[in-house]
Each structure stands twice: as C-alpha cells, then as structure tokens.
Amino acid sequence: MNQNLYYLTQEYEKFTDECKGDSVPEFVENFIYGSMEYNDVNLPKLTEEMSKQAQNKEPEEFKRAFDEMLLYLRDRFVALDPYKKYWPLHYREGVSAFVAMIDGLVVQYFSGLYSVDDLKERTPLFAAIILNGFNGVNEKKYSALSSD
C-alpha cells in the first residue's frame, strides 16, 4: 500500500475509533459530523488517490485500502449493534451503502449545496433517514451477502 493510502487508512481507523456513540444512531450522527472534517483535512491526499484511480493506476492498492476501511467500520457497527437491529451494517454490502450515502453528503458539501452549518442542522435528519432505510430491509430476502 502506498504512503497516502496507508496514511488515509490509519486516519480513517483513528477517526472511527474516536467517533463517539454508545448506540448505532448516536454513532451515525457523530460519524456524519466527523466525515466532513476527515474529508476536508485529507482532501489533498484523497484527490491524489482518486486521480490515480481515474487513470487506472494502482487499482488493487486502492481497493484493498477501501475494503480495509469498510471492514473496520463494519466491526464498529457490529460491536454497537449486538441484536442486529440494523443488520445490514453487519455486512460489507450494508456498510458500503452507508459509506456511499455519507460520501454523497460530503460531495454535496464540497459542491456548495450545503454549508457546514446546514449540515450540522440537518445531520440528525440525515442520520434518521439512513438508519430508517437500513432498519426496514428484510434480511432473509437477500442471499448475496458477504461472509467475511
């Protein structure tokens, strides 16, 4: 893994560990708040790595780093949700969908659609929308779930 990806992975794990919350809803709200800062602070490194991806340079390294971050976050959700109320967050696919939603908010922040104050004001709403979506999915209906 290159130095940027290693740094970004370590920072993401640190951010995940430091993100407060004794329940999934608390954690998700704080994760949304913190994601804006994580992405803002790390924007130069993230931009450099995304540029490499656009040029198909080191795709396996990026994939491995991203997967490592997903699984790290998944482990945090599993610890916070022992009764699987938010069962999709116990699987790679659910965490991947969660991260995609958060990244979408980050893009909207960087595009100027939302200011920091707008996001702070709306974060409880975004967290509720995301979690209600995960809560309403029937686990037994899907067979394409990862086992790692």
C-alpha atoms as a PDB file:
ATOM      1  CA  MET A   1       0.000   0.000   0.000  1.00  0.00           C
ATOM      2  CA  ASN A   2       1.436   3.401  -0.912  1.00  0.00           C
ATOM      3  CA  GLN A   3       2.116   6.060   1.748  1.00  0.00           C
ATOM      4  CA  ASN A   4      -1.014   8.098   1.015  1.00  0.00           C
ATOM      5  CA  LEU A   5      -3.312   5.111   1.234  1.00  0.00           C
ATOM      6  CA  TYR A   6      -1.609   3.858   4.373  1.00  0.00           C
ATOM      7  CA  TYR A   7      -1.973   7.308   5.966  1.00  0.00           C
ATOM      8  CA  LEU A   8      -5.622   7.641   4.893  1.00  0.00           C
ATOM      9  CA  THR A   9      -6.437   4.174   6.224  1.00  0.00           C
ATOM     10  CA  GLN A  10      -4.771   4.899   9.573  1.00  0.00           C
ATOM     11  CA  GLU A  11      -6.542   8.247   9.859  1.00  0.00           C
ATOM     12  CA  TYR A  12      -9.885   6.641   8.988  1.00  0.00           C
ATOM     13  CA  GLU A  13      -9.424   3.976  11.643  1.00  0.00           C
ATOM     14  CA  LYS A  14      -8.427   6.649  14.171  1.00  0.00           C
ATOM     15  CA  PHE A  15     -11.473   8.736  13.210  1.00  0.00           C
ATOM     16  CA  THR A  16     -13.725   5.676  13.532  1.00  0.00           C
ATOM     17  CA  ASP A  17     -12.276   4.822  16.952  1.00  0.00           C
ATOM     18  CA  GLU A  18     -12.641   8.393  18.211  1.00  0.00           C
ATOM     19  CA  CYS A  19     -16.164   8.820  16.873  1.00  0.00           C
ATOM     20  CA  LYS A  20     -18.417   8.865  19.909  1.00  0.00           C
ATOM     21  CA  GLY A  21     -21.608   6.911  20.315  1.00  0.00           C
ATOM     22  CA  ASP A  22     -22.911   4.149  22.561  1.00  0.00           C
ATOM     23  CA  SER A  23     -25.570   3.187  20.034  1.00  0.00           C
ATOM     24  CA  VAL A  24     -25.774   2.998  16.262  1.00  0.00           C
ATOM     25  CA  PRO A  25     -27.918   6.161  15.978  1.00  0.00           C
ATOM     26  CA  GLU A  26     -25.516   8.210  18.154  1.00  0.00           C
ATOM     27  CA  PHE A  27     -22.503   6.873  16.292  1.00  0.00           C
ATOM     28  CA  VAL A  28     -24.028   7.562  12.862  1.00  0.00           C
ATOM     29  CA  GLU A  29     -24.828  11.160  13.756  1.00  0.00           C
ATOM     30  CA  ASN A  30     -21.301  11.745  15.023  1.00  0.00           C
ATOM     31  CA  PHE A  31     -19.858   9.893  12.032  1.00  0.00           C
ATOM     32  CA  ILE A  32     -21.650  12.245   9.639  1.00  0.00           C
ATOM     33  CA  TYR A  33     -20.332  15.294  11.512  1.00  0.00           C
ATOM     34  CA  GLY A  34     -16.802  13.894  11.609  1.00  0.00           C
ATOM     35  CA  SER A  35     -16.774  12.763   7.980  1.00  0.00           C
ATOM     36  CA  MET A  36     -16.899  16.333   6.786  1.00  0.00           C
ATOM     37  CA  GLU A  37     -13.791  17.169   8.812  1.00  0.00           C
ATOM     38  CA  TYR A  38     -11.964  13.943   7.862  1.00  0.00           C
ATOM     39  CA  ASN A  39     -12.549  14.610   4.173  1.00  0.00           C
ATOM     40  CA  ASP A  40     -11.715  18.304   4.446  1.00  0.00           C
ATOM     41  CA  VAL A  41      -8.407  17.657   6.251  1.00  0.00           C
ATOM     42  CA  ASN A  42      -7.439  14.813   3.925  1.00  0.00           C
ATOM     43  CA  LEU A  43      -8.711  16.308   0.666  1.00  0.00           C
ATOM     44  CA  PRO A  44      -5.274  16.659  -0.993  1.00  0.00           C
ATOM     45  CA  LYS A  45      -4.380  13.002  -0.383  1.00  0.00           C
ATOM     46  CA  LEU A  46      -7.881  11.821  -1.301  1.00  0.00           C
ATOM     47  CA  THR A  47      -7.775  13.848  -4.523  1.00  0.00           C
ATOM     48  CA  GLU A  48      -4.384  12.421  -5.440  1.00  0.00           C
ATOM     49  CA  GLU A  49      -5.578   8.852  -4.877  1.00  0.00           C
ATOM     50  CA  MET A  50      -8.837   9.410  -6.768  1.00  0.00           C
ATOM     51  CA  SER A  51      -6.835  10.865  -9.654  1.00  0.00           C
ATOM     52  CA  LYS A  52      -4.750   7.683  -9.742  1.00  0.00           C
ATOM     53  CA  GLN A  53      -7.961   5.670  -9.861  1.00  0.00           C
ATOM     54  CA  ALA A  54      -9.255   7.707 -12.779  1.00  0.00           C
ATOM     55  CA  GLN A  55      -6.022   6.825 -14.603  1.00  0.00           C
ATOM     56  CA  ASN A  56      -6.261   3.161 -13.511  1.00  0.00           C
ATOM     57  CA  LYS A  57      -3.019   3.423 -11.511  1.00  0.00           C
ATOM     58  CA  GLU A  58      -2.662   1.114  -8.519  1.00  0.00           C
ATOM     59  CA  PRO A  59      -6.324  -0.023  -8.570  1.00  0.00           C
ATOM     60  CA  GLU A  60      -5.675  -3.052  -6.358  1.00  0.00           C
ATOM     61  CA  GLU A  61      -3.999  -0.938  -3.678  1.00  0.00           C
ATOM     62  CA  PHE A  62      -6.937   1.462  -3.571  1.00  0.00           C
ATOM     63  CA  LYS A  63      -9.415  -1.397  -3.488  1.00  0.00           C
ATOM     64  CA  ARG A  64      -7.546  -3.076  -0.645  1.00  0.00           C
ATOM     65  CA  ALA A  65      -7.332   0.147   1.387  1.00  0.00           C
ATOM     66  CA  PHE A  66     -11.003   0.961   0.850  1.00  0.00           C
ATOM     67  CA  ASP A  67     -12.047  -2.563   1.769  1.00  0.00           C
ATOM     68  CA  GLU A  68      -9.928  -2.401   4.915  1.00  0.00           C
ATOM     69  CA  MET A  69     -11.722   0.795   5.929  1.00  0.00           C
ATOM     70  CA  LEU A  70     -15.144  -0.730   5.220  1.00  0.00           C
ATOM     71  CA  LEU A  71     -14.438  -3.788   7.322  1.00  0.00           C
ATOM     72  CA  TYR A  72     -13.041  -1.671  10.152  1.00  0.00           C
ATOM     73  CA  LEU A  73     -16.227   0.394  10.177  1.00  0.00           C
ATOM     74  CA  ARG A  74     -18.327  -2.767   9.945  1.00  0.00           C
ATOM     75  CA  ASP A  75     -16.645  -4.119  13.068  1.00  0.00           C
ATOM     76  CA  ARG A  76     -17.608  -0.951  14.918  1.00  0.00           C
ATOM     77  CA  PHE A  77     -21.238  -1.350  13.846  1.00  0.00           C
ATOM     78  CA  VAL A  78     -21.270  -4.997  14.915  1.00  0.00           C
ATOM     79  CA  ALA A  79     -19.969  -4.001  18.366  1.00  0.00           C
ATOM     80  CA  LEU A  80     -22.609  -1.277  18.707  1.00  0.00           C
ATOM     81  CA  ASP A  81     -25.488  -3.448  17.489  1.00  0.00           C
ATOM     82  CA  PRO A  82     -25.293  -6.911  19.104  1.00  0.00           C
ATOM     83  CA  TYR A  83     -29.005  -7.627  18.480  1.00  0.00           C
ATOM     84  CA  LYS A  84     -28.757  -6.740  14.773  1.00  0.00           C
ATOM     85  CA  LYS A  85     -31.451  -4.074  14.787  1.00  0.00           C
ATOM     86  CA  TYR A  86     -29.534  -2.534  11.878  1.00  0.00           C
ATOM     87  CA  TRP A  87     -28.484  -5.878  10.429  1.00  0.00           C
ATOM     88  CA  PRO A  88     -27.291  -4.560   7.018  1.00  0.00           C
ATOM     89  CA  LEU A  89     -24.472  -2.759   8.858  1.00  0.00           C
ATOM     90  CA  HIS A  90     -23.154  -6.170   9.923  1.00  0.00           C
ATOM     91  CA  TYR A  91     -22.255  -6.915   6.285  1.00  0.00           C
ATOM     92  CA  ARG A  92     -19.853  -5.388   3.784  1.00  0.00           C
ATOM     93  CA  GLU A  93     -22.735  -4.502   1.459  1.00  0.00           C
ATOM     94  CA  GLY A  94     -24.609  -2.550   4.126  1.00  0.00           C
ATOM     95  CA  VAL A  95     -21.509  -0.664   5.234  1.00  0.00           C
ATOM     96  CA  SER A  96     -20.678   0.021   1.593  1.00  0.00           C
ATOM     97  CA  ALA A  97     -24.147   1.537   1.078  1.00  0.00           C
ATOM     98  CA  PHE A  98     -23.739   3.566   4.287  1.00  0.00           C
ATOM     99  CA  VAL A  99     -20.368   4.942   3.167  1.00  0.00           C
ATOM    100  CA  ALA A 100     -21.807   5.770  -0.265  1.00  0.00           C
ATOM    101  CA  MET A 101     -24.540   7.840   1.383  1.00  0.00           C
ATOM    102  CA  ILE A 102     -22.051   9.658   3.607  1.00  0.00           C
ATOM    103  CA  ASP A 103     -19.731  10.273   0.652  1.00  0.00           C
ATOM    104  CA  GLY A 104     -22.696  11.711  -1.218  1.00  0.00           C
ATOM    105  CA  LEU A 105     -23.218  14.218   1.591  1.00  0.00           C
ATOM    106  CA  VAL A 106     -19.506  15.046   1.501  1.00  0.00           C
ATOM    107  CA  VAL A 107     -19.691  15.715  -2.254  1.00  0.00           C
ATOM    108  CA  GLN A 108     -22.723  17.938  -1.687  1.00  0.00           C
ATOM    109  CA  TYR A 109     -20.782  19.827   0.992  1.00  0.00           C
ATOM    110  CA  PHE A 110     -17.768  20.344  -1.294  1.00  0.00           C
ATOM    111  CA  SER A 111     -20.019  21.364  -4.190  1.00  0.00           C
ATOM    112  CA  GLY A 112     -21.506  24.111  -2.022  1.00  0.00           C
ATOM    113  CA  LEU A 113     -25.003  22.686  -1.792  1.00  0.00           C
ATOM    114  CA  TYR A 114     -24.687  22.590   1.989  1.00  0.00           C
ATOM    115  CA  SER A 115     -22.590  24.743   4.281  1.00  0.00           C
ATOM    116  CA  VAL A 116     -21.099  23.339   7.474  1.00  0.00           C
ATOM    117  CA  ASP A 117     -23.945  24.963   9.411  1.00  0.00           C
ATOM    118  CA  ASP A 118     -26.533  23.465   7.040  1.00  0.00           C
ATOM    119  CA  LEU A 119     -25.060  20.020   7.552  1.00  0.00           C
ATOM    120  CA  LYS A 120     -24.895  20.395  11.322  1.00  0.00           C
ATOM    121  CA  GLU A 121     -28.535  21.436  11.354  1.00  0.00           C
ATOM    122  CA  ARG A 122     -29.591  18.564   9.079  1.00  0.00           C
ATOM    123  CA  THR A 123     -27.348  15.781  10.382  1.00  0.00           C
ATOM    124  CA  PRO A 124     -29.979  14.354  12.781  1.00  0.00           C
ATOM    125  CA  LEU A 125     -32.413  14.208   9.846  1.00  0.00           C
ATOM    126  CA  PHE A 126     -29.855  12.578   7.527  1.00  0.00           C
ATOM    127  CA  ALA A 127     -28.955  10.041  10.236  1.00  0.00           C
ATOM    128  CA  ALA A 128     -32.627   9.174  10.759  1.00  0.00           C
ATOM    129  CA  ILE A 129     -33.246   8.770   7.022  1.00  0.00           C
ATOM    130  CA  ILE A 130     -30.218   6.500   6.633  1.00  0.00           C
ATOM    131  CA  LEU A 131     -30.978   4.352   9.677  1.00  0.00           C
ATOM    132  CA  ASN A 132     -34.676   4.003   8.879  1.00  0.00           C
ATOM    133  CA  GLY A 133     -33.677   2.739   5.459  1.00  0.00           C
ATOM    134  CA  PHE A 134     -31.440   0.076   6.973  1.00  0.00           C
ATOM    135  CA  ASN A 135     -33.995  -0.867   9.603  1.00  0.00           C
ATOM    136  CA  GLY A 136     -36.684  -1.563   7.024  1.00  0.00           C
ATOM    137  CA  VAL A 137     -34.802  -4.180   4.973  1.00  0.00           C
ATOM    138  CA  ASN A 138     -35.743  -7.857   5.364  1.00  0.00           C
ATOM    139  CA  GLU A 139     -32.530  -9.828   5.950  1.00  0.00           C
ATOM    140  CA  LYS A 140     -33.952 -13.158   4.801  1.00  0.00           C
ATOM    141  CA  LYS A 141     -34.864 -11.754   1.388  1.00  0.00           C
ATOM    142  CA  TYR A 142     -31.248 -11.395   0.182  1.00  0.00           C
ATOM    143  CA  SER A 143     -28.719 -14.135  -0.459  1.00  0.00           C
ATOM    144  CA  ALA A 144     -25.874 -12.017  -1.883  1.00  0.00           C
ATOM    145  CA  LEU A 145     -24.377 -11.061   1.477  1.00  0.00           C
ATOM    146  CA  SER A 146     -20.656 -11.380   2.107  1.00  0.00           C
ATOM    147  CA  SER A 147     -19.492 -13.803   4.746  1.00  0.00           C
ATOM    148  CA  ASP A 148     -16.298 -12.032   5.842  1.00  0.00           C
END
